[in-house]
Amino acid sequence: MYKIHSMYGFCLYFKIVFCKIQYMTPEDLLSQKPIDYSTMYIDMDSFFASVEQYYNPSLRHQPVAVVTGKSMGASVIAASYIAKEHGIHTGIKVREAIRLCPSLQITCGNPSLYRRVHNQIMSILHDTICQIKAKGIDEAYLKVPTYARSRSQVFALSKAIKASIYNLYNEHINCSIGIASNIWLAKMAASHKKPNGLVCITGIDLPKFYKELRLTDLTGIGHRMERQFYDSGIITPSDLYSATWRLLSDRFGVNGQKWYLRLRGYEVDQLLDIERKSLGHQVTITDINSYSLAKITTYCIKISEVLGYRLRNNGLYARGINMDLVFVNGLRFNYNLKKLPLFNTNNIIIGYSKALLKKLDNFTEIKRISITLTELTSVYQLSLLPEPLVDSSISKALDDLENRYHSKVVLSAKSLFEKSFALDRIGFATDEIRKSSKHQNYSNIG
């Protein structure tokens, strides 16, 4: 190192070093570089509609839409590829979907079947050499061990996964697989040639790949963010890829820095296992006279049963419960109970729900009911009070029946007042993700 003989020389040296650091990019500073073939992404093709067609042969080779309810105002939450060819997409109303495709087959869906297939798919993935993490009921990513990160090995693994799925469901349920250096790019690759696609993107492929896309084709960029990029002179994915670290950092902060890294294959999206603190279920009421306390009580009972099943299915206990009611007139009611003895049985949850409901002073028409169990723990502490053994046994027996038949074959007498409606919905992915995603520890996974 050169010896600095004067204050002027020191200042000049400091300025040169400071400028070098100031204009360094992540490529200069980060030790973990993008590694081709290190990440795979599994994305099931039209998952809900495909499962419906598999279990109901009469729906095969037909335009199918899975919807939120039995009304013309309900929304489509999934469509088969034949239905998509008619312009039917997620979020469209049933009446509009039928106008576009009069022969459309409508089904309200069966979440228990989707869970069953999800668990079977995850079982296939867990039999591989990879580290697995579910990203949704129909998506998962795989981190490939260092010794298998070659094009031939990863393609062989992808084809083996596809073959295992085919052996279970024949051609009726398929997946698309993307291969890249990070989760985001692998997901983009999986979406690139659906259905039943297999696409690999390496570092060399990136400039050409981005030229084929629009900004809103990039996962995570909606119309609002697109406008923000436009204001900075970024019109295409190629512009975003070519933008400097300094520009993206100055204009968009941490989010801009993540986009700089993400587009170049650096891993910034890996999910972390976060300990669950609460578990809730919400119902918007549209089909009953919601000023009837008896009917609202029935809803609370059914919500409590759903929460009890989910609580036990995750091996958890709760110490608190919160009830939130939104009224048609805009008013809101919120009460909670805390520091309770540990509980996870249906009857105890129902009892606490009823106790909270009794706190209502004035009862008017209700729009939405939400019940949340709080202060969750997986560790059960023995109590000096008598244990509700009968209640626990009944809850366990009901769980066993539901798991065996994938639906509620036995209803509580308390909830028979409005037995025509069901609370099992499509929005259930979180529990299944936590249960089916296990992180194996591989010392050689980079």
Protein backbone atom coordinates (compact mmCIF):
# COMPACT_ATOMS: atom_id res chain seq x y z
CA MET A 1 0.00 0.00 0.00
CA TYR A 2 1.27 3.46 -0.85
CA LYS A 3 2.37 5.68 2.03
CA ILE A 4 0.40 8.87 2.33
CA HIS A 5 2.71 11.86 2.99
CA SER A 6 0.29 14.78 3.29
CA MET A 7 -3.21 15.72 4.31
CA TYR A 8 -3.98 16.46 0.65
CA GLY A 9 -2.82 13.00 -0.31
CA PHE A 10 -4.93 11.44 2.45
CA CYS A 11 -8.05 13.30 1.32
CA LEU A 12 -7.45 12.28 -2.28
CA TYR A 13 -6.99 8.64 -1.26
CA PHE A 14 -10.13 8.71 0.91
CA LYS A 15 -12.16 10.24 -1.94
CA ILE A 16 -11.05 7.52 -4.38
CA VAL A 17 -11.88 4.70 -1.93
CA PHE A 18 -15.23 6.29 -0.99
CA CYS A 19 -16.24 6.68 -4.64
CA LYS A 20 -15.38 3.05 -5.34
CA ILE A 21 -17.55 1.87 -2.45
CA GLN A 22 -20.36 4.28 -3.37
CA TYR A 23 -20.63 2.94 -6.90
CA MET A 24 -20.16 -0.73 -6.07
CA THR A 25 -23.00 -2.99 -7.16
CA PRO A 26 -24.28 -6.11 -5.41
CA GLU A 27 -22.22 -8.18 -7.85
CA ASP A 28 -19.15 -6.73 -6.11
CA LEU A 29 -20.43 -7.02 -2.54
CA LEU A 30 -22.48 -10.23 -2.34
CA SER A 31 -20.69 -13.52 -1.81
CA GLN A 32 -23.73 -15.68 -2.69
CA LYS A 33 -23.94 -15.60 -6.48
CA PRO A 34 -26.79 -16.90 -8.70
CA ILE A 35 -26.36 -20.61 -9.47
CA ASP A 36 -28.06 -22.04 -12.53
CA TYR A 37 -30.23 -25.16 -11.98
CA SER A 38 -30.39 -24.56 -8.21
CA THR A 39 -34.16 -23.93 -7.97
CA MET A 40 -37.22 -25.67 -9.39
CA TYR A 41 -40.80 -24.40 -9.25
CA ILE A 42 -43.86 -26.65 -9.52
CA ASP A 43 -47.08 -24.95 -10.65
CA MET A 44 -50.15 -27.16 -11.10
CA ASP A 45 -52.15 -26.45 -14.26
CA SER A 46 -55.71 -25.12 -13.67
CA PHE A 47 -55.57 -26.99 -10.38
CA PHE A 48 -59.11 -26.70 -9.00
CA ALA A 49 -60.77 -27.29 -12.37
CA SER A 50 -58.43 -30.22 -13.14
CA VAL A 51 -59.20 -31.89 -9.81
CA GLU A 52 -62.93 -31.49 -10.46
CA GLN A 53 -62.52 -33.10 -13.88
CA TYR A 54 -60.47 -35.96 -12.48
CA TYR A 55 -63.06 -36.89 -9.85
CA ASN A 56 -66.05 -36.18 -12.10
CA PRO A 57 -65.47 -37.78 -15.55
CA SER A 58 -68.56 -36.04 -17.00
CA LEU A 59 -66.66 -32.73 -16.76
CA ARG A 60 -63.68 -33.92 -18.78
CA HIS A 61 -63.03 -32.21 -22.12
CA GLN A 62 -65.62 -29.59 -21.14
CA PRO A 63 -65.29 -25.88 -20.29
CA VAL A 64 -65.39 -25.88 -16.46
CA ALA A 65 -65.52 -23.02 -13.95
CA VAL A 66 -65.12 -23.40 -10.20
CA VAL A 67 -67.14 -20.67 -8.49
CA THR A 68 -67.63 -19.16 -5.03
CA GLY A 69 -71.35 -19.82 -4.73
CA LYS A 70 -74.60 -20.89 -6.37
CA SER A 71 -75.69 -17.58 -7.85
CA MET A 72 -75.23 -15.59 -11.05
CA GLY A 73 -73.39 -12.94 -9.02
CA ALA A 74 -70.77 -15.37 -7.71
CA SER A 75 -67.19 -15.13 -8.97
CA VAL A 76 -65.09 -17.64 -10.88
CA ILE A 77 -62.04 -18.70 -8.88
CA ALA A 78 -60.64 -21.20 -11.39
CA ALA A 79 -61.28 -22.21 -14.99
CA SER A 80 -60.24 -25.13 -17.16
CA TYR A 81 -58.08 -24.42 -20.20
CA ILE A 82 -61.04 -24.92 -22.55
CA ALA A 83 -62.98 -22.31 -20.53
CA LYS A 84 -60.00 -19.95 -20.67
CA GLU A 85 -60.07 -20.16 -24.46
CA HIS A 86 -63.54 -18.55 -24.27
CA GLY A 87 -62.17 -15.62 -22.26
CA ILE A 88 -63.15 -16.89 -18.82
CA HIS A 89 -60.69 -15.93 -16.11
CA THR A 90 -60.40 -15.68 -12.34
CA GLY A 91 -62.64 -12.97 -10.88
CA ILE A 92 -65.22 -12.86 -13.68
CA LYS A 93 -68.87 -13.11 -12.58
CA VAL A 94 -70.84 -16.26 -13.37
CA ARG A 95 -73.41 -14.43 -15.48
CA GLU A 96 -70.66 -12.96 -17.66
CA ALA A 97 -68.88 -16.33 -17.89
CA ILE A 98 -72.06 -18.02 -19.11
CA ARG A 99 -72.58 -15.25 -21.65
CA LEU A 100 -69.09 -15.90 -23.02
CA CYS A 101 -69.54 -19.67 -22.96
CA PRO A 102 -73.17 -20.94 -22.78
CA SER A 103 -71.97 -24.55 -22.47
CA LEU A 104 -69.89 -23.73 -19.38
CA GLN A 105 -70.04 -26.36 -16.61
CA ILE A 106 -70.37 -24.69 -13.21
CA THR A 107 -69.21 -26.31 -9.97
CA CYS A 108 -68.92 -24.87 -6.47
CA GLY A 109 -65.86 -26.95 -5.84
CA ASN A 110 -64.76 -29.36 -3.15
CA PRO A 111 -61.89 -28.03 -1.00
CA SER A 112 -61.40 -31.42 0.68
CA LEU A 113 -60.52 -32.96 -2.70
CA TYR A 114 -58.05 -30.15 -3.42
CA ARG A 115 -56.38 -30.77 -0.07
CA ARG A 116 -56.18 -34.49 -0.80
CA VAL A 117 -54.46 -33.95 -4.16
CA HIS A 118 -52.20 -31.26 -2.67
CA ASN A 119 -50.99 -33.70 -0.02
CA GLN A 120 -50.38 -36.39 -2.65
CA ILE A 121 -48.37 -33.98 -4.81
CA MET A 122 -46.34 -32.83 -1.81
CA SER A 123 -45.65 -36.45 -0.92
CA ILE A 124 -44.17 -36.94 -4.40
CA LEU A 125 -41.98 -33.86 -3.98
CA HIS A 126 -40.78 -34.90 -0.53
CA ASP A 127 -39.59 -38.19 -2.01
CA THR A 128 -37.05 -36.26 -4.11
CA ILE A 129 -33.55 -35.23 -2.99
CA CYS A 130 -34.59 -31.57 -2.77
CA GLN A 131 -35.56 -29.19 0.00
CA ILE A 132 -39.28 -28.43 -0.42
CA LYS A 133 -41.47 -25.45 0.44
CA ALA A 134 -45.11 -25.04 -0.60
CA LYS A 135 -46.02 -21.56 -1.85
CA GLY A 136 -49.74 -22.29 -2.19
CA ILE A 137 -52.23 -25.11 -2.47
CA ASP A 138 -51.06 -25.64 -6.08
CA GLU A 139 -47.48 -24.36 -6.05
CA ALA A 140 -44.15 -25.29 -4.45
CA TYR A 141 -40.48 -24.64 -4.94
CA LEU A 142 -37.57 -27.05 -4.60
CA LYS A 143 -33.99 -26.19 -3.69
CA VAL A 144 -31.68 -28.62 -5.47
CA PRO A 145 -28.66 -30.05 -3.59
CA THR A 146 -25.29 -28.84 -4.84
CA TYR A 147 -24.30 -32.26 -6.19
CA ALA A 148 -27.34 -32.35 -8.53
CA ARG A 149 -27.14 -28.86 -10.04
CA SER A 150 -26.55 -29.79 -13.64
CA ARG A 151 -28.88 -29.49 -16.61
CA SER A 152 -29.11 -33.24 -17.16
CA GLN A 153 -29.80 -34.08 -13.50
CA VAL A 154 -32.40 -31.36 -12.97
CA PHE A 155 -34.24 -32.20 -16.19
CA ALA A 156 -34.24 -35.88 -15.20
CA LEU A 157 -35.67 -34.94 -11.80
CA SER A 158 -38.37 -32.77 -13.42
CA LYS A 159 -39.41 -35.56 -15.77
CA ALA A 160 -39.52 -38.03 -12.86
CA ILE A 161 -41.88 -35.71 -10.95
CA LYS A 162 -44.12 -35.36 -13.99
CA ALA A 163 -44.14 -39.14 -14.46
CA SER A 164 -45.14 -39.71 -10.82
CA ILE A 165 -48.03 -37.26 -11.16
CA TYR A 166 -49.11 -38.93 -14.41
CA ASN A 167 -49.07 -42.35 -12.72
CA LEU A 168 -51.57 -41.01 -10.17
CA TYR A 169 -53.91 -38.99 -12.37
CA ASN A 170 -53.09 -39.90 -15.99
CA GLU A 171 -53.45 -36.85 -18.24
CA HIS A 172 -56.17 -35.22 -16.10
CA ILE A 173 -53.93 -33.37 -13.61
CA ASN A 174 -50.68 -31.88 -14.87
CA CYS A 175 -47.99 -29.52 -13.65
CA SER A 176 -45.63 -27.04 -15.27
CA ILE A 177 -42.06 -26.86 -14.00
CA GLY A 178 -39.62 -23.96 -14.13
CA ILE A 179 -35.88 -24.19 -13.50
CA ALA A 180 -33.68 -21.19 -12.66
CA SER A 181 -31.27 -19.71 -10.12
CA ASN A 182 -33.91 -18.24 -7.79
CA ILE A 183 -37.54 -18.81 -6.82
CA TRP A 184 -38.93 -15.83 -8.74
CA LEU A 185 -37.26 -16.74 -12.03
CA ALA A 186 -38.23 -20.40 -11.63
CA LYS A 187 -41.86 -19.35 -11.11
CA MET A 188 -41.69 -17.15 -14.21
CA ALA A 189 -40.29 -20.12 -16.15
CA ALA A 190 -43.09 -22.41 -14.89
CA SER A 191 -45.70 -19.93 -16.11
CA HIS A 192 -44.04 -19.37 -19.48
CA LYS A 193 -45.33 -22.40 -21.43
CA LYS A 194 -48.43 -23.71 -19.67
CA PRO A 195 -49.93 -26.27 -19.59
CA ASN A 196 -47.58 -29.18 -18.89
CA GLY A 197 -44.51 -27.05 -19.57
CA LEU A 198 -40.86 -27.55 -18.68
CA VAL A 199 -38.76 -24.39 -19.07
CA CYS A 200 -35.22 -23.65 -17.91
CA ILE A 201 -33.79 -20.12 -17.65
CA THR A 202 -30.05 -19.64 -17.12
CA GLY A 203 -28.08 -16.45 -16.69
CA ILE A 204 -27.26 -16.36 -20.39
CA ASP A 205 -30.97 -16.56 -21.29
CA LEU A 206 -32.07 -13.52 -19.24
CA PRO A 207 -31.77 -10.68 -21.83
CA LYS A 208 -33.66 -12.66 -24.47
CA PHE A 209 -36.29 -13.86 -21.96
CA TYR A 210 -37.13 -10.33 -20.78
CA LYS A 211 -37.50 -9.06 -24.37
CA GLU A 212 -40.51 -11.35 -24.85
CA LEU A 213 -42.46 -9.92 -21.89
CA ARG A 214 -44.37 -6.87 -20.72
CA LEU A 215 -43.83 -5.33 -17.28
CA THR A 216 -47.12 -6.72 -15.99
CA ASP A 217 -46.05 -10.20 -17.10
CA LEU A 218 -43.45 -10.10 -14.32
CA THR A 219 -44.78 -11.74 -11.16
CA GLY A 220 -45.22 -9.03 -8.52
CA ILE A 221 -45.76 -6.10 -10.90
CA GLY A 222 -49.32 -4.84 -11.22
CA HIS A 223 -50.67 -1.80 -13.01
CA ARG A 224 -49.89 0.53 -10.09
CA MET A 225 -46.23 -0.46 -9.95
CA GLU A 226 -46.11 -0.40 -13.74
CA ARG A 227 -47.10 3.29 -13.66
CA GLN A 228 -44.38 3.98 -11.08
CA PHE A 229 -41.78 2.39 -13.35
CA TYR A 230 -43.14 4.35 -16.34
CA ASP A 231 -42.60 7.60 -14.42
CA SER A 232 -38.92 6.63 -14.08
CA GLY A 233 -38.55 5.88 -17.79
CA ILE A 234 -38.76 2.10 -17.33
CA ILE A 235 -41.22 0.88 -19.98
CA THR A 236 -40.27 -2.76 -20.55
CA PRO A 237 -38.75 -5.64 -18.56
CA SER A 238 -35.56 -5.10 -20.58
CA ASP A 239 -35.47 -1.50 -19.32
CA LEU A 240 -35.89 -2.73 -15.76
CA TYR A 241 -33.17 -5.34 -16.24
CA SER A 242 -30.80 -2.70 -17.65
CA ALA A 243 -31.53 -0.13 -14.92
CA THR A 244 -28.64 0.58 -12.58
CA TRP A 245 -28.54 -0.33 -8.92
CA ARG A 246 -28.24 3.35 -8.05
CA LEU A 247 -31.33 4.35 -10.07
CA LEU A 248 -33.54 1.61 -8.64
CA SER A 249 -32.24 2.18 -5.12
CA ASP A 250 -32.77 5.97 -5.29
CA ARG A 251 -36.22 5.80 -6.89
CA PHE A 252 -37.73 2.74 -5.17
CA GLY A 253 -35.64 2.08 -2.06
CA VAL A 254 -35.36 -1.47 -0.77
CA ASN A 255 -38.00 -2.68 -3.23
CA GLY A 256 -35.95 -1.35 -6.12
CA GLN A 257 -32.84 -3.06 -4.79
CA LYS A 258 -34.75 -6.35 -4.62
CA TRP A 259 -35.87 -5.97 -8.24
CA TYR A 260 -32.27 -5.37 -9.32
CA LEU A 261 -31.17 -8.58 -7.60
CA ARG A 262 -34.24 -10.65 -8.47
CA LEU A 263 -33.99 -10.03 -12.21
CA ARG A 264 -30.34 -11.08 -12.16
CA GLY A 265 -31.05 -14.38 -10.44
CA TYR A 266 -30.14 -13.53 -6.84
CA GLU A 267 -32.35 -15.16 -4.20
CA VAL A 268 -34.43 -12.57 -2.33
CA ASP A 269 -37.78 -14.36 -2.07
CA GLN A 270 -37.10 -17.49 -0.02
CA LEU A 271 -39.85 -18.07 2.52
CA LEU A 272 -39.05 -18.33 6.20
CA ASP A 273 -40.94 -20.49 8.66
CA ILE A 274 -42.77 -18.09 10.96
CA GLU A 275 -44.37 -19.28 14.14
CA ARG A 276 -48.13 -18.95 13.98
CA LYS A 277 -49.62 -16.54 16.52
CA SER A 278 -53.32 -16.64 15.60
CA LEU A 279 -55.86 -18.59 13.56
CA GLY A 280 -59.10 -17.12 12.28
CA HIS A 281 -62.12 -17.66 10.06
CA GLN A 282 -64.43 -15.04 8.55
CA VAL A 283 -67.83 -15.25 6.88
CA THR A 284 -69.68 -12.54 4.97
CA ILE A 285 -73.44 -13.04 5.32
CA THR A 286 -75.56 -12.46 2.23
CA ASP A 287 -78.20 -15.17 2.15
CA ILE A 288 -80.05 -15.04 5.51
CA ASN A 289 -81.89 -12.55 7.70
CA SER A 290 -78.85 -11.59 9.71
CA TYR A 291 -80.83 -9.74 12.37
CA SER A 292 -81.85 -13.11 13.84
CA LEU A 293 -79.71 -13.85 16.90
CA ALA A 294 -80.45 -17.57 16.58
CA LYS A 295 -79.11 -17.70 13.04
CA ILE A 296 -76.02 -15.64 13.89
CA THR A 297 -75.39 -17.99 16.82
CA THR A 298 -75.51 -20.90 14.37
CA TYR A 299 -72.92 -19.21 12.20
CA CYS A 300 -70.69 -18.74 15.24
CA ILE A 301 -71.07 -22.44 16.11
CA LYS A 302 -70.08 -23.49 12.60
CA ILE A 303 -67.11 -21.12 12.55
CA SER A 304 -66.04 -22.48 15.94
CA GLU A 305 -66.15 -26.05 14.59
CA VAL A 306 -64.00 -25.08 11.61
CA LEU A 307 -61.48 -23.37 13.90
CA GLY A 308 -61.43 -26.34 16.27
CA TYR A 309 -60.62 -28.73 13.44
CA ARG A 310 -57.87 -26.47 12.09
CA LEU A 311 -56.41 -25.94 15.54
CA ARG A 312 -56.14 -29.66 16.24
CA ASN A 313 -55.01 -30.41 12.68
CA ASN A 314 -52.02 -28.12 13.29
CA GLY A 315 -51.30 -29.58 16.73
CA LEU A 316 -52.03 -26.27 18.46
CA TYR A 317 -53.81 -24.94 21.55
CA ALA A 318 -55.16 -21.43 22.16
CA ARG A 319 -55.32 -19.15 25.19
CA GLY A 320 -57.47 -16.39 23.74
CA ILE A 321 -60.40 -15.73 21.41
CA ASN A 322 -61.55 -12.61 19.56
CA MET A 323 -64.90 -11.92 17.89
CA ASP A 324 -65.35 -9.15 15.33
CA LEU A 325 -68.82 -8.32 13.97
CA VAL A 326 -69.43 -5.78 11.19
CA PHE A 327 -73.00 -4.50 10.90
CA VAL A 328 -74.82 -3.45 7.75
CA ASN A 329 -75.07 0.12 9.10
CA GLY A 330 -71.25 0.33 9.31
CA LEU A 331 -70.90 -0.10 13.06
CA ARG A 332 -68.44 -2.63 14.45
CA PHE A 333 -68.39 -4.85 17.53
CA ASN A 334 -65.15 -6.31 18.86
CA TYR A 335 -64.61 -8.22 22.08
CA ASN A 336 -62.00 -10.69 23.21
CA LEU A 337 -61.06 -13.04 26.02
CA LYS A 338 -57.40 -13.50 26.98
CA LYS A 339 -55.22 -15.58 29.30
CA LEU A 340 -57.68 -18.48 29.26
CA PRO A 341 -56.75 -22.06 30.15
CA LEU A 342 -55.37 -23.84 27.07
CA PHE A 343 -58.13 -25.20 24.83
CA ASN A 344 -58.59 -26.83 21.40
CA THR A 345 -61.95 -28.61 21.52
CA ASN A 346 -65.11 -27.58 19.65
CA ASN A 347 -67.37 -27.24 22.68
CA ILE A 348 -65.01 -24.92 24.52
CA ILE A 349 -64.57 -22.69 21.45
CA ILE A 350 -68.35 -22.65 20.95
CA GLY A 351 -68.84 -21.74 24.61
CA TYR A 352 -66.45 -18.81 24.42
CA SER A 353 -68.01 -17.65 21.13
CA LYS A 354 -71.47 -17.64 22.68
CA ALA A 355 -70.14 -15.77 25.71
CA LEU A 356 -68.71 -13.05 23.45
CA LEU A 357 -71.93 -12.88 21.42
CA LYS A 358 -73.94 -12.27 24.61
CA LYS A 359 -72.01 -9.03 25.14
CA LEU A 360 -74.02 -7.40 22.34
CA ASP A 361 -76.17 -4.62 23.77
CA ASN A 362 -78.14 -3.76 20.64
CA PHE A 363 -78.63 -6.35 17.90
CA THR A 364 -79.00 -5.12 14.32
CA GLU A 365 -78.40 -6.72 10.94
CA ILE A 366 -74.90 -8.19 10.62
CA LYS A 367 -72.77 -8.18 7.46
CA ARG A 368 -69.65 -10.07 8.52
CA ILE A 369 -68.58 -12.37 11.35
CA SER A 370 -64.96 -13.07 12.20
CA ILE A 371 -63.65 -15.26 15.02
CA THR A 372 -59.93 -15.51 15.75
CA LEU A 373 -58.12 -17.80 18.19
CA THR A 374 -55.07 -16.11 19.71
CA GLU A 375 -52.04 -16.84 21.91
CA LEU A 376 -51.41 -20.13 20.12
CA THR A 377 -48.93 -22.71 21.35
CA SER A 378 -47.98 -26.25 20.45
CA VAL A 379 -47.00 -27.06 24.03
CA TYR A 380 -49.79 -28.29 26.27
CA GLN A 381 -49.37 -27.59 29.99
CA LEU A 382 -51.11 -29.80 32.51
CA SER A 383 -53.88 -28.10 34.45
CA LEU A 384 -54.97 -28.63 38.04
CA LEU A 385 -58.57 -28.47 36.82
CA PRO A 386 -60.37 -31.63 35.62
CA GLU A 387 -59.66 -32.39 31.96
CA PRO A 388 -62.68 -32.46 29.57
CA LEU A 389 -61.86 -35.98 28.37
CA VAL A 390 -65.25 -36.64 26.82
CA ASP A 391 -65.13 -33.36 24.89
CA SER A 392 -61.61 -34.15 23.61
CA SER A 393 -62.63 -37.65 22.55
CA ILE A 394 -65.67 -36.37 20.65
CA SER A 395 -63.61 -33.71 18.86
CA LYS A 396 -60.99 -36.28 17.90
CA ALA A 397 -63.64 -38.69 16.61
CA LEU A 398 -65.18 -35.95 14.44
CA ASP A 399 -61.73 -35.06 13.10
CA ASP A 400 -61.05 -38.70 12.22
CA LEU A 401 -64.32 -38.94 10.30
CA GLU A 402 -63.68 -35.70 8.40
CA ASN A 403 -60.13 -36.78 7.52
CA ARG A 404 -61.33 -40.20 6.39
CA TYR A 405 -64.20 -39.03 4.18
CA HIS A 406 -62.75 -35.58 3.29
CA SER A 407 -65.98 -33.85 4.28
CA LYS A 408 -68.22 -33.29 7.29
CA VAL A 409 -70.23 -36.50 7.45
CA VAL A 410 -71.40 -35.81 11.02
CA LEU A 411 -72.91 -32.49 12.08
CA SER A 412 -73.25 -31.16 15.59
CA ALA A 413 -76.87 -30.87 16.71
CA LYS A 414 -76.07 -27.31 17.75
CA SER A 415 -75.46 -26.33 14.12
CA LEU A 416 -78.46 -28.02 12.47
CA PHE A 417 -80.54 -24.82 12.50
CA GLU A 418 -78.86 -23.63 9.28
CA LYS A 419 -77.28 -26.86 8.05
CA SER A 420 -77.77 -25.89 4.40
CA PHE A 421 -74.66 -23.73 4.25
CA ALA A 422 -71.05 -24.82 4.54
CA LEU A 423 -68.05 -22.84 5.70
CA ASP A 424 -65.31 -24.84 3.99
CA ARG A 425 -63.88 -22.55 1.34
CA ILE A 426 -61.07 -22.30 -1.14
CA GLY A 427 -59.09 -19.91 1.05
CA PHE A 428 -57.49 -22.67 3.11
CA ALA A 429 -53.97 -22.89 1.73
CA THR A 430 -52.07 -21.65 4.78
CA ASP A 431 -52.74 -24.66 7.00
CA GLU A 432 -51.86 -27.13 4.26
CA ILE A 433 -48.67 -25.22 3.41
CA ARG A 434 -47.49 -25.28 7.01
CA LYS A 435 -48.31 -28.96 7.37
CA SER A 436 -46.95 -30.22 4.05
CA SER A 437 -43.81 -28.07 3.84
CA LYS A 438 -40.99 -29.49 5.87
CA HIS A 439 -37.43 -28.27 5.63
CA GLN A 440 -34.92 -31.08 5.53
CA ASN A 441 -31.45 -30.15 6.67
CA TYR A 442 -28.86 -30.76 3.97
CA SER A 443 -25.35 -29.70 4.78
CA ASN A 444 -24.57 -29.60 1.08
CA ILE A 445 -27.44 -27.36 0.01
CA GLY A 446 -26.00 -24.00 -0.89
